[in-house]
């Protein structure tokens, strides 16, 4: 089941984020989908806006998040609290 949520999307460098409704696909095998209840937009995200951290655009901001496991993909048998950061993100 695809779910919808709001996200801060950056479409162009040095422009404000756009708050948009996005669709999130169901988790694939060995993936976990988390319902985000809080997220921080921090200095690392500001570096993405300015282009000093390069990410392909459009990009969804916010890598400091807290949430609840909403669904799991095939093969997931347990989950535990973790701290994680996207690849290529110094945050």
C-alpha atoms as a PDB file:
ATOM      1  CA  UNK A   1       0.000   0.000   0.000  1.00  0.00           C
ATOM      2  CA  UNK A   2       1.406   3.392  -1.012  1.00  0.00           C
ATOM      3  CA  UNK A   3       1.093   6.058   1.693  1.00  0.00           C
ATOM      4  CA  UNK A   4       1.166   9.840   1.389  1.00  0.00           C
ATOM      5  CA  UNK A   5       3.068  12.214   3.645  1.00  0.00           C
ATOM      6  CA  UNK A   6       4.409  15.758   3.667  1.00  0.00           C
ATOM      7  CA  UNK A   7       8.033  16.509   2.863  1.00  0.00           C
ATOM      8  CA  UNK A   8      10.322  19.528   2.520  1.00  0.00           C
ATOM      9  CA  UNK A   9      11.465  19.281  -1.111  1.00  0.00           C
ATOM     10  CA  UNK A  10      14.347  21.269  -2.597  1.00  0.00           C
ATOM     11  CA  UNK A  11      13.886  21.766  -6.354  1.00  0.00           C
ATOM     12  CA  UNK A  12      16.583  24.417  -6.979  1.00  0.00           C
ATOM     13  CA  UNK A  13      19.740  25.539  -5.189  1.00  0.00           C
ATOM     14  CA  UNK A  14      19.440  28.699  -3.098  1.00  0.00           C
ATOM     15  CA  UNK A  15      15.623  28.571  -3.172  1.00  0.00           C
ATOM     16  CA  UNK A  16      13.218  27.873  -0.287  1.00  0.00           C
ATOM     17  CA  UNK A  17      12.014  24.352   0.393  1.00  0.00           C
ATOM     18  CA  UNK A  18       8.580  23.476  -0.938  1.00  0.00           C
ATOM     19  CA  UNK A  19       6.302  21.609   1.494  1.00  0.00           C
ATOM     20  CA  UNK A  20       4.620  18.966  -0.642  1.00  0.00           C
ATOM     21  CA  UNK A  21       2.631  15.776  -0.344  1.00  0.00           C
ATOM     22  CA  UNK A  22       4.704  12.844  -1.594  1.00  0.00           C
ATOM     23  CA  UNK A  23       3.943   9.172  -2.099  1.00  0.00           C
ATOM     24  CA  UNK A  24       6.001   6.548  -0.298  1.00  0.00           C
ATOM     25  CA  UNK A  25       6.077   3.055  -1.771  1.00  0.00           C
ATOM     26  CA  UNK A  26       5.661  -0.051   0.371  1.00  0.00           C
ATOM     27  CA  UNK A  27       8.897  -1.458   1.755  1.00  0.00           C
ATOM     28  CA  UNK A  28      10.758  -3.943  -0.425  1.00  0.00           C
ATOM     29  CA  UNK A  29      12.326  -7.124   0.925  1.00  0.00           C
ATOM     30  CA  UNK A  30      14.475  -6.386   3.983  1.00  0.00           C
ATOM     31  CA  UNK A  31      13.340  -2.740   4.141  1.00  0.00           C
ATOM     32  CA  UNK A  32      11.442  -0.949   6.897  1.00  0.00           C
ATOM     33  CA  UNK A  33       9.058   1.974   6.330  1.00  0.00           C
ATOM     34  CA  UNK A  34       9.025   4.437   9.224  1.00  0.00           C
ATOM     35  CA  UNK A  35       6.219   6.907   9.965  1.00  0.00           C
ATOM     36  CA  UNK A  36       8.142  10.072  10.808  1.00  0.00           C
ATOM     37  CA  UNK A  37       6.694  11.972  13.766  1.00  0.00           C
ATOM     38  CA  UNK A  38       9.423  14.625  14.058  1.00  0.00           C
ATOM     39  CA  UNK A  39      12.307  15.784  11.882  1.00  0.00           C
ATOM     40  CA  UNK A  40      14.956  18.458  12.130  1.00  0.00           C
ATOM     41  CA  UNK A  41      16.114  20.634   9.265  1.00  0.00           C
ATOM     42  CA  UNK A  42      19.687  21.426  10.278  1.00  0.00           C
ATOM     43  CA  UNK A  43      22.886  23.047   9.062  1.00  0.00           C
ATOM     44  CA  UNK A  44      23.645  20.069   6.806  1.00  0.00           C
ATOM     45  CA  UNK A  45      20.381  20.730   4.965  1.00  0.00           C
ATOM     46  CA  UNK A  46      21.410  24.389   4.622  1.00  0.00           C
ATOM     47  CA  UNK A  47      24.621  23.184   2.937  1.00  0.00           C
ATOM     48  CA  UNK A  48      22.486  21.205   0.469  1.00  0.00           C
ATOM     49  CA  UNK A  49      20.468  24.361  -0.297  1.00  0.00           C
ATOM     50  CA  UNK A  50      23.666  26.338  -0.956  1.00  0.00           C
ATOM     51  CA  UNK A  51      25.258  23.532  -2.996  1.00  0.00           C
ATOM     52  CA  UNK A  52      28.263  22.953  -0.701  1.00  0.00           C
ATOM     53  CA  UNK A  53      26.900  19.434  -0.104  1.00  0.00           C
ATOM     54  CA  UNK A  54      25.924  18.058  -3.496  1.00  0.00           C
ATOM     55  CA  UNK A  55      22.808  15.922  -3.788  1.00  0.00           C
ATOM     56  CA  UNK A  56      20.799  15.245  -6.925  1.00  0.00           C
ATOM     57  CA  UNK A  57      17.726  17.469  -7.112  1.00  0.00           C
ATOM     58  CA  UNK A  58      14.945  17.324  -6.263  1.00  0.00           C
ATOM     59  CA  UNK A  59      15.993  16.329  -2.737  1.00  0.00           C
ATOM     60  CA  UNK A  60      13.905  15.753   0.385  1.00  0.00           C
ATOM     61  CA  UNK A  61      15.394  17.489   3.406  1.00  0.00           C
ATOM     62  CA  UNK A  62      15.662  16.294   6.959  1.00  0.00           C
ATOM     63  CA  UNK A  63      17.908  13.457   8.077  1.00  0.00           C
ATOM     64  CA  UNK A  64      17.457  13.930  11.836  1.00  0.00           C
ATOM     65  CA  UNK A  65      14.179  12.099  12.303  1.00  0.00           C
ATOM     66  CA  UNK A  66      12.232  10.177  14.913  1.00  0.00           C
ATOM     67  CA  UNK A  67       9.465   7.807  14.007  1.00  0.00           C
ATOM     68  CA  UNK A  68       7.552   4.589  14.445  1.00  0.00           C
ATOM     69  CA  UNK A  69       7.898   1.491  12.286  1.00  0.00           C
ATOM     70  CA  UNK A  70       4.831   1.591  10.020  1.00  0.00           C
ATOM     71  CA  UNK A  71       5.437  -1.551   7.943  1.00  0.00           C
ATOM     72  CA  UNK A  72       8.177  -4.021   7.087  1.00  0.00           C
ATOM     73  CA  UNK A  73       9.175  -5.824   3.934  1.00  0.00           C
ATOM     74  CA  UNK A  74       9.475  -9.533   3.417  1.00  0.00           C
ATOM     75  CA  UNK A  75      12.313 -11.074   5.408  1.00  0.00           C
ATOM     76  CA  UNK A  76      12.321  -8.477   8.204  1.00  0.00           C
ATOM     77  CA  UNK A  77      11.964 -10.355  11.479  1.00  0.00           C
ATOM     78  CA  UNK A  78      12.975  -7.739  14.032  1.00  0.00           C
ATOM     79  CA  UNK A  79      13.683  -4.025  14.332  1.00  0.00           C
ATOM     80  CA  UNK A  80      15.600  -1.979  16.902  1.00  0.00           C
ATOM     81  CA  UNK A  81      16.306   1.708  17.559  1.00  0.00           C
ATOM     82  CA  UNK A  82      19.189   3.060  15.468  1.00  0.00           C
ATOM     83  CA  UNK A  83      20.920   6.246  14.434  1.00  0.00           C
ATOM     84  CA  UNK A  84      21.382   6.461  10.696  1.00  0.00           C
ATOM     85  CA  UNK A  85      22.473   8.984   8.090  1.00  0.00           C
ATOM     86  CA  UNK A  86      21.979   8.827   4.317  1.00  0.00           C
ATOM     87  CA  UNK A  87      25.014   7.852   2.193  1.00  0.00           C
ATOM     88  CA  UNK A  88      27.337  10.739   1.301  1.00  0.00           C
ATOM     89  CA  UNK A  89      25.910  12.835   4.137  1.00  0.00           C
ATOM     90  CA  UNK A  90      28.451  14.048   6.706  1.00  0.00           C
ATOM     91  CA  UNK A  91      25.603  14.758   9.167  1.00  0.00           C
END
